[in-house]
Amino acid sequence: MARQLEDQGFAILARRLRTGAGEIDLVVADAARLIFVEVKARGCFADAAHAVSARQQARLLEAASLALAMHEDWARDEIRFDVALVAAGAVEMLHDAVRYG
């Protein structure tokens, strides 16, 4: 997963970043974008997608806010949450999958 993002030009800023609100699996960035990535592995893509509950989404957003407060230099023009669904050895990325509001 991280390797694929590096191949796309992203720098890995953190893996398994712990905050007071919980853990963020992966934080990557390029010059214009900061992406928080939640990884969900299940037997099929649908089960992996359903594992990102509304409660977990709220926790992820709070964790991201705390991470940005701790690392002000991470701020970019575009900040988003992607979800990486992992099933049967394959990865499907859902871009901008979690949003505020």
Protein backbone atom coordinates (compact mmCIF):
# COMPACT_ATOMS: atom_id res chain seq x y z
CA MET A 1 0.00 0.00 0.00
CA ALA A 2 2.58 2.57 1.09
CA ARG A 3 4.84 1.47 -1.76
CA GLN A 4 2.09 2.13 -4.31
CA LEU A 5 1.61 5.64 -2.96
CA GLU A 6 5.36 6.27 -3.01
CA ASP A 7 5.40 5.12 -6.65
CA GLN A 8 2.75 7.78 -7.33
CA GLY A 9 5.06 10.48 -5.91
CA PHE A 10 3.81 10.68 -2.34
CA ALA A 11 6.14 10.88 0.65
CA ILE A 12 5.23 8.77 3.67
CA LEU A 13 4.88 11.14 6.64
CA ALA A 14 3.65 8.60 9.18
CA ARG A 15 2.59 4.99 9.59
CA ARG A 16 0.23 4.01 12.38
CA LEU A 17 0.14 7.56 13.72
CA ARG A 18 -1.24 7.57 17.26
CA THR A 19 -3.25 10.55 18.48
CA GLY A 20 -5.46 11.13 21.49
CA ALA A 21 -8.47 10.29 19.31
CA GLY A 22 -7.05 7.09 17.84
CA GLU A 23 -4.71 5.81 15.20
CA ILE A 24 -4.39 6.81 11.54
CA ASP A 25 -2.98 3.98 9.45
CA LEU A 26 -1.02 6.05 6.96
CA VAL A 27 -0.31 9.73 6.26
CA VAL A 28 1.17 10.68 2.89
CA ALA A 29 1.79 13.93 1.06
CA ASP A 30 3.08 15.52 -2.09
CA ALA A 31 3.56 19.23 -2.69
CA ALA A 32 -0.17 19.94 -3.02
CA ARG A 33 -1.98 17.14 -1.15
CA LEU A 34 -2.05 15.64 2.32
CA ILE A 35 -3.85 12.31 2.48
CA PHE A 36 -4.86 10.38 5.57
CA VAL A 37 -5.38 6.73 4.66
CA GLU A 38 -7.48 4.22 6.58
CA VAL A 39 -6.77 0.60 5.63
CA LYS A 40 -9.50 -2.03 5.97
CA ALA A 41 -8.83 -5.67 5.15
CA ARG A 42 -11.67 -8.17 4.99
CA GLY A 43 -12.70 -11.22 2.98
CA CYS A 44 -14.36 -9.08 0.30
CA PHE A 45 -14.36 -5.41 -0.68
CA ALA A 46 -17.97 -4.88 0.47
CA ASP A 47 -17.20 -6.12 3.99
CA ALA A 48 -14.09 -3.92 4.11
CA ALA A 49 -16.10 -0.87 3.04
CA HIS A 50 -18.81 -1.52 5.64
CA ALA A 51 -16.14 -1.72 8.35
CA VAL A 52 -15.65 2.06 8.14
CA SER A 53 -18.62 2.95 10.33
CA ALA A 54 -19.96 6.44 10.99
CA ARG A 55 -18.47 6.27 14.49
CA GLN A 56 -15.07 5.35 13.10
CA GLN A 57 -15.28 8.12 10.51
CA ALA A 58 -15.86 10.66 13.28
CA ARG A 59 -12.89 9.27 15.21
CA LEU A 60 -10.70 9.50 12.10
CA LEU A 61 -11.65 13.12 11.52
CA GLU A 62 -10.84 13.99 15.14
CA ALA A 63 -7.52 12.14 14.89
CA ALA A 64 -6.69 14.07 11.72
CA SER A 65 -7.45 17.38 13.43
CA LEU A 66 -5.10 16.45 16.28
CA ALA A 67 -2.41 15.31 13.83
CA LEU A 68 -2.58 18.64 11.99
CA ALA A 69 -2.33 20.52 15.28
CA MET A 70 0.80 18.51 16.15
CA HIS A 71 2.33 18.84 12.67
CA GLU A 72 1.46 22.27 11.29
CA ASP A 73 4.02 21.79 8.51
CA TRP A 74 1.82 19.03 7.06
CA ALA A 75 -0.87 21.52 5.94
CA ARG A 76 -1.53 21.49 2.20
CA ASP A 77 -4.04 23.10 -0.16
CA GLU A 78 -5.87 19.76 -0.44
CA ILE A 79 -6.41 17.54 2.59
CA ARG A 80 -8.47 14.40 2.23
CA PHE A 81 -9.23 10.96 3.66
CA ASP A 82 -8.86 7.91 1.47
CA VAL A 83 -9.85 4.39 2.42
CA ALA A 84 -7.82 1.46 1.15
CA LEU A 85 -9.95 -1.66 0.89
CA VAL A 86 -7.93 -4.88 0.93
CA ALA A 87 -9.46 -8.22 -0.08
CA ALA A 88 -8.04 -11.38 -1.60
CA GLY A 89 -4.62 -9.79 -2.01
CA ALA A 90 -5.97 -6.85 -4.03
CA VAL A 91 -6.30 -3.19 -3.03
CA GLU A 92 -9.06 -0.80 -4.03
CA MET A 93 -8.58 2.87 -3.11
CA LEU A 94 -11.60 5.02 -2.33
CA HIS A 95 -10.46 8.62 -2.75
CA ASP A 96 -12.02 11.35 -0.58
CA ALA A 97 -14.06 8.67 1.20
CA VAL A 98 -14.49 10.42 4.57
CA ARG A 99 -15.54 14.05 4.85
CA TYR A 100 -16.28 16.62 7.50
CA GLY A 101 -19.91 17.54 8.01
